[in-house]
Structures are given as structure tokens and as C-alpha cells.
């Protein structure tokens, strides 16, 4: 009598198919579980949102943030303390008009630069200096007319507690958990709309427009008067060499005309 599962030649084709289907289902389930796990890891994180500088980032519930960062315009430190070291993610701003100059001069030329994408945003990754505790430096340029771009630095500091109970940094440490969280924080970074790029030159009547120095950057600028410092004029820029140029509202955009 024939065996329905086994025959003289070995395993039946039906059993082979069942085994293959079982393996595929198991692999698909494992992939789905892992993808859900990766998504859910940041689902309960806190969100830091800055309307003024136009960005948003998530960070773990057991991390904190502070503003004790030396930066020209804005700096924010996201940090987790342990008994022996501190995980830091530092976010600071760069004036967009100076972005190219800063990216060329702020780092030694031997540190390699790599074009990458962060959450579908173009960025430049600067080669790490783990001997200095620097595990990532990223420069993210805004290209939509907003005046500030972003620098993100990932850093791990080792410390001791002195006789007064204060923490004193004295070296670096490689902690895989810190680095994993760094990368997850970075993956949540995104720009948000500040409304600035759409509003810079918007107008309804000629009196909405002005020319002078752009507030915040001091560059020669014409546009909506709320962004213009007219006390410090730019004579040739605003009136032209012949002195006949004026800034008028044309089709709801501040426009130089003669």
C-alpha cells in the first residue's frame, strides 16, 4: 500500500511544499516583528519641537535636554547620565548663508566628508573622532530660504566625581547602547515649516515692503518690512547705483522696480 507522506523515493512533493510555506511564514513573521519593534522603540519617546529654528526631534523618555551649550545662536543638549559616562546629542544652529564656509573651515581637511540622507533630508556626515569621544558630526543645510541650518554632534564623555561631588570629564568610552540611541535620535530629525520662507517677501501694498539689513543676519535685504532693519541701510543695494530703484509690492511680492 502506498504511503501518502513517504514513498520509495523519499519525501513527497506535498510535504516539501508545506515545509517551504512554513519557512516563508516564519521568516515573514520574524521580519514583521522586527520592523514593528524598530518602529515602536521611538513611538513612546518624547518630542522636542522648535518653531523658531524650524526643526523637530524625538528622544528617549529617560533622557533630558538642557541649553548649556556654547553656540552662536542656539544650542540644545539631549543627555543621559550613567554612573560612569554621559551620552550626549548636541543640536546647534548655523546661519544658512554661512553654511558652505562653515562646512569647509570648521573641521580639519583630513576628516572625511560623506553625503548622506537623514529621514530623506540631504546632509553631510563628518568623519568620527572616537579618540575625542565624537561619534558623529552632521551638517544639515536648509534650502527653502530659512535663515538657520543645523549641526548635530554625537558625543560620549567619561567622568569621575571630584571631592566636591562634581562630575569631571576625563576621557572617552565606546558604549554600543549610546551609539544605537544616537542613530535612532538622528533618524527622527526633521525640518518643520517656520512660515518664514513664504512670508519673507509677501505684501499687500507698497508700504508692506522695505529695504535695509535683514534682521538676524545683518545682510543687505529687501522684503516684508517686519524682517528688515531700515536703521542700517544698504544704499547701492536698495536704491541702485543711479539712486532710482524702489521696492514695491508687485503681485503680492516685494519687488525692486525703477
Protein backbone atom coordinates (compact mmCIF):
# COMPACT_ATOMS: atom_id res chain seq x y z
CA UNK A 1 0.00 0.00 0.00
CA UNK A 2 1.35 3.44 -0.89
CA UNK A 3 2.30 5.77 1.96
CA UNK A 4 0.67 9.19 1.41
CA UNK A 5 3.54 11.03 3.04
CA UNK A 6 6.52 8.91 2.14
CA UNK A 7 7.26 6.83 -0.90
CA UNK A 8 10.19 4.78 -2.03
CA UNK A 9 11.87 7.85 -3.50
CA UNK A 10 11.73 9.83 -0.22
CA UNK A 11 9.69 12.84 0.93
CA UNK A 12 6.57 13.54 -1.08
CA UNK A 13 6.23 16.85 -3.01
CA UNK A 14 3.30 17.84 -0.80
CA UNK A 15 5.44 17.70 2.34
CA UNK A 16 8.21 19.69 0.64
CA UNK A 17 5.71 22.40 -0.28
CA UNK A 18 4.36 22.51 3.28
CA UNK A 19 7.89 22.86 4.67
CA UNK A 20 8.70 25.73 2.26
CA UNK A 21 5.46 27.53 3.11
CA UNK A 22 6.16 27.11 6.83
CA UNK A 23 9.67 28.58 6.48
CA UNK A 24 8.38 31.57 4.48
CA UNK A 25 5.61 32.26 7.00
CA UNK A 26 8.10 32.08 9.88
CA UNK A 27 10.56 34.39 8.11
CA UNK A 28 7.81 36.87 7.26
CA UNK A 29 6.59 36.87 10.84
CA UNK A 30 10.11 37.48 12.15
CA UNK A 31 10.60 40.38 9.72
CA UNK A 32 7.25 41.92 10.69
CA UNK A 33 8.00 41.57 14.39
CA UNK A 34 11.40 43.18 13.95
CA UNK A 35 10.01 46.07 11.87
CA UNK A 36 7.27 46.69 14.42
CA UNK A 37 9.82 46.56 17.21
CA UNK A 38 12.02 49.14 15.45
CA UNK A 39 9.00 51.41 14.87
CA UNK A 40 7.67 51.03 18.39
CA UNK A 41 11.03 51.80 20.01
CA UNK A 42 10.60 55.51 19.26
CA UNK A 43 6.78 55.59 19.45
CA UNK A 44 6.80 56.38 23.18
CA UNK A 45 9.72 58.81 23.01
CA UNK A 46 9.36 62.48 23.90
CA UNK A 47 9.34 65.08 21.12
CA UNK A 48 11.32 68.32 21.13
CA UNK A 49 9.92 70.86 18.67
CA UNK A 50 11.44 74.27 17.99
CA UNK A 51 9.22 76.60 15.97
CA UNK A 52 11.78 79.42 15.90
CA UNK A 53 14.57 77.43 14.31
CA UNK A 54 12.30 75.06 12.41
CA UNK A 55 13.11 71.51 13.48
CA UNK A 56 11.76 68.58 15.46
CA UNK A 57 13.47 65.55 17.02
CA UNK A 58 12.48 62.69 19.31
CA UNK A 59 14.50 61.43 22.28
CA UNK A 60 14.07 58.60 24.84
CA UNK A 61 11.87 59.05 27.88
CA UNK A 62 14.82 58.53 30.24
CA UNK A 63 16.87 61.29 28.57
CA UNK A 64 16.68 65.02 29.38
CA UNK A 65 17.53 68.18 27.48
CA UNK A 66 19.20 71.40 28.54
CA UNK A 67 20.53 74.59 26.95
CA UNK A 68 24.04 74.58 28.44
CA UNK A 69 25.67 74.51 25.01
CA UNK A 70 28.08 77.13 23.70
CA UNK A 71 26.64 78.17 20.34
CA UNK A 72 26.41 81.43 18.42
CA UNK A 73 22.64 81.40 18.03
CA UNK A 74 21.06 78.31 19.56
CA UNK A 75 22.22 75.11 21.24
CA UNK A 76 20.38 72.22 22.87
CA UNK A 77 21.86 69.17 24.61
CA UNK A 78 19.97 65.87 24.83
CA UNK A 79 21.63 63.78 27.51
CA UNK A 80 21.52 60.59 29.54
CA UNK A 81 23.74 60.16 32.60
CA UNK A 82 25.04 56.81 33.77
CA UNK A 83 27.30 56.04 36.71
CA UNK A 84 30.45 56.36 34.62
CA UNK A 85 29.72 58.29 31.44
CA UNK A 86 27.30 60.65 29.71
CA UNK A 87 25.63 60.15 26.32
CA UNK A 88 25.14 63.50 24.53
CA UNK A 89 23.39 64.55 21.38
CA UNK A 90 24.05 68.26 20.74
CA UNK A 91 21.96 70.26 18.26
CA UNK A 92 23.04 73.78 17.31
CA UNK A 93 22.31 76.23 14.51
CA UNK A 94 24.41 77.63 11.67
CA UNK A 95 23.44 80.67 9.64
CA UNK A 96 22.40 79.23 6.28
CA UNK A 97 24.21 81.98 4.38
CA UNK A 98 27.46 80.87 6.07
CA UNK A 99 26.80 77.11 5.74
CA UNK A 100 29.29 76.43 2.93
CA UNK A 101 32.03 78.44 4.61
CA UNK A 102 31.42 76.72 7.95
CA UNK A 103 31.42 73.22 6.44
CA UNK A 104 34.82 73.99 4.83
CA UNK A 105 36.53 75.64 7.78
CA UNK A 106 35.05 74.18 10.98
CA UNK A 107 36.72 70.79 10.59
CA UNK A 108 40.28 69.76 9.62
CA UNK A 109 40.53 68.79 5.96
CA UNK A 110 41.68 65.26 6.82
CA UNK A 111 38.29 64.44 8.35
CA UNK A 112 36.38 62.82 5.53
CA UNK A 113 33.01 64.22 4.47
CA UNK A 114 30.24 61.94 3.18
CA UNK A 115 26.92 62.97 1.61
CA UNK A 116 24.07 61.08 3.30
CA UNK A 117 20.33 61.37 3.84
CA UNK A 118 18.69 61.71 7.27
CA UNK A 119 14.97 60.97 7.23
CA UNK A 120 15.04 61.82 3.50
CA UNK A 121 16.91 65.11 4.14
CA UNK A 122 20.28 65.76 2.47
CA UNK A 123 23.13 66.05 4.98
CA UNK A 124 26.90 65.85 5.30
CA UNK A 125 28.49 63.40 7.73
CA UNK A 126 31.91 64.38 9.09
CA UNK A 127 34.27 61.51 9.91
CA UNK A 128 34.11 60.48 13.58
CA UNK A 129 36.87 61.14 16.11
CA UNK A 130 36.26 58.43 18.67
CA UNK A 131 39.54 59.27 20.40
CA UNK A 132 37.88 62.59 21.29
CA UNK A 133 34.55 60.98 22.16
CA UNK A 134 32.96 62.26 18.93
CA UNK A 135 30.85 59.53 17.34
CA UNK A 136 29.07 61.63 14.74
CA UNK A 137 29.06 65.15 13.31
CA UNK A 138 26.31 66.02 10.87
CA UNK A 139 25.66 69.25 8.94
CA UNK A 140 22.13 69.69 7.60
CA UNK A 141 21.53 72.64 5.27
CA UNK A 142 18.14 74.24 4.77
CA UNK A 143 17.44 75.03 1.14
CA UNK A 144 13.98 76.60 1.49
CA UNK A 145 15.03 80.14 2.42
CA UNK A 146 15.02 79.68 6.21
CA UNK A 147 17.99 81.51 7.73
CA UNK A 148 19.29 78.80 10.08
CA UNK A 149 20.65 75.35 9.23
CA UNK A 150 21.52 72.61 11.73
CA UNK A 151 24.58 70.88 13.17
CA UNK A 152 24.18 67.64 15.18
CA UNK A 153 27.04 66.20 17.24
CA UNK A 154 27.02 62.82 18.99
CA UNK A 155 29.39 62.56 21.94
CA UNK A 156 30.18 60.21 24.86
CA UNK A 157 32.06 61.63 27.87
CA UNK A 158 33.63 59.58 30.64
CA UNK A 159 33.88 61.27 34.03
CA UNK A 160 34.85 60.98 37.65
CA UNK A 161 33.25 62.64 40.67
CA UNK A 162 35.61 65.00 42.46
CA UNK A 163 35.80 65.63 46.20
CA UNK A 164 33.09 68.30 45.94
CA UNK A 165 30.70 65.87 44.28
CA UNK A 166 31.01 67.46 40.84
CA UNK A 167 31.42 65.42 37.66
CA UNK A 168 34.73 66.00 35.90
CA UNK A 169 35.17 64.73 32.34
CA UNK A 170 38.46 62.91 31.90
CA UNK A 171 38.20 60.66 28.87
CA UNK A 172 36.01 58.84 26.39
CA UNK A 173 34.29 55.49 26.23
CA UNK A 174 32.74 53.41 23.47
CA UNK A 175 29.24 52.39 24.52
CA UNK A 176 27.19 50.46 21.90
CA UNK A 177 23.89 51.34 23.59
CA UNK A 178 24.64 55.07 23.39
CA UNK A 179 25.60 54.77 19.73
CA UNK A 180 22.42 52.82 18.95
CA UNK A 181 20.27 55.52 20.58
CA UNK A 182 22.27 58.24 18.78
CA UNK A 183 21.32 56.70 15.44
CA UNK A 184 17.68 56.37 16.42
CA UNK A 185 17.52 60.01 17.56
CA UNK A 186 19.12 61.07 14.29
CA UNK A 187 16.54 59.08 12.29
CA UNK A 188 13.70 61.09 13.89
CA UNK A 189 15.11 64.52 13.00
CA UNK A 190 13.05 66.57 10.57
CA UNK A 191 12.58 70.17 9.50
CA UNK A 192 9.26 71.87 10.16
CA UNK A 193 7.71 74.84 8.41
CA UNK A 194 8.55 78.10 10.15
CA UNK A 195 6.45 80.12 7.71
CA UNK A 196 9.48 82.32 7.18
CA UNK A 197 10.31 81.34 3.60
CA UNK A 198 6.77 82.05 2.39
CA UNK A 199 6.48 85.29 4.35
CA UNK A 200 9.84 86.96 3.66
CA UNK A 201 8.73 88.84 0.57
CA UNK A 202 4.95 88.75 0.99
CA UNK A 203 2.99 92.02 0.73
CA UNK A 204 -0.40 93.53 0.05
CA UNK A 205 0.59 97.16 -0.54
CA UNK A 206 3.84 99.02 -1.22
CA UNK A 207 4.09 100.11 2.41
CA UNK A 208 4.48 96.45 3.46
CA UNK A 209 7.90 96.42 1.76
CA UNK A 210 11.26 97.78 2.88
CA UNK A 211 14.95 97.53 2.12
CA UNK A 212 17.90 97.56 4.50
CA UNK A 213 19.55 94.90 6.68
CA UNK A 214 17.88 91.55 7.27
CA UNK A 215 17.07 91.16 10.96
CA UNK A 216 19.10 88.33 12.45
CA UNK A 217 21.81 88.11 9.77
CA UNK A 218 22.51 91.81 9.02
CA UNK A 219 22.80 91.07 5.28
CA UNK A 220 21.51 93.55 2.70
CA UNK A 221 17.93 92.54 2.06
CA UNK A 222 14.56 93.66 0.69
CA UNK A 223 11.22 92.09 1.51
CA UNK A 224 8.41 92.31 4.04
CA UNK A 225 9.27 95.17 6.42
CA UNK A 226 8.93 93.02 9.55
CA UNK A 227 12.15 91.25 8.52
CA UNK A 228 14.05 94.45 7.66
CA UNK A 229 16.16 96.76 9.82
CA UNK A 230 15.96 100.07 7.99
CA UNK A 231 18.15 101.92 10.51
CA UNK A 232 21.27 100.39 8.90
CA UNK A 233 20.70 100.95 5.17
CA UNK A 234 22.47 99.42 2.15
CA UNK A 235 22.46 102.46 -0.20
CA UNK A 236 23.64 100.96 -3.52
CA UNK A 237 21.76 97.72 -2.87
CA UNK A 238 18.45 99.37 -2.02
CA UNK A 239 18.35 102.30 -4.45
CA UNK A 240 20.76 101.16 -7.15
CA UNK A 241 23.87 102.99 -8.26
CA UNK A 242 21.73 105.62 -10.01
CA UNK A 243 19.52 106.03 -6.91
CA UNK A 244 16.32 105.36 -8.86
CA UNK A 245 15.38 101.85 -7.66
CA UNK A 246 12.43 101.42 -5.29
CA UNK A 247 10.89 98.37 -3.58
CA UNK A 248 7.22 98.00 -4.46
CA UNK A 249 4.54 95.35 -3.97
CA UNK A 250 4.05 93.61 -7.32
CA UNK A 251 1.64 90.68 -7.43
CA UNK A 252 1.90 90.41 -3.62
CA UNK A 253 5.71 90.07 -3.71
CA UNK A 254 8.13 92.86 -2.68
CA UNK A 255 10.00 93.60 -5.88
CA UNK A 256 12.70 96.12 -6.91
CA UNK A 257 11.45 98.41 -9.71
CA UNK A 258 12.69 101.54 -11.45
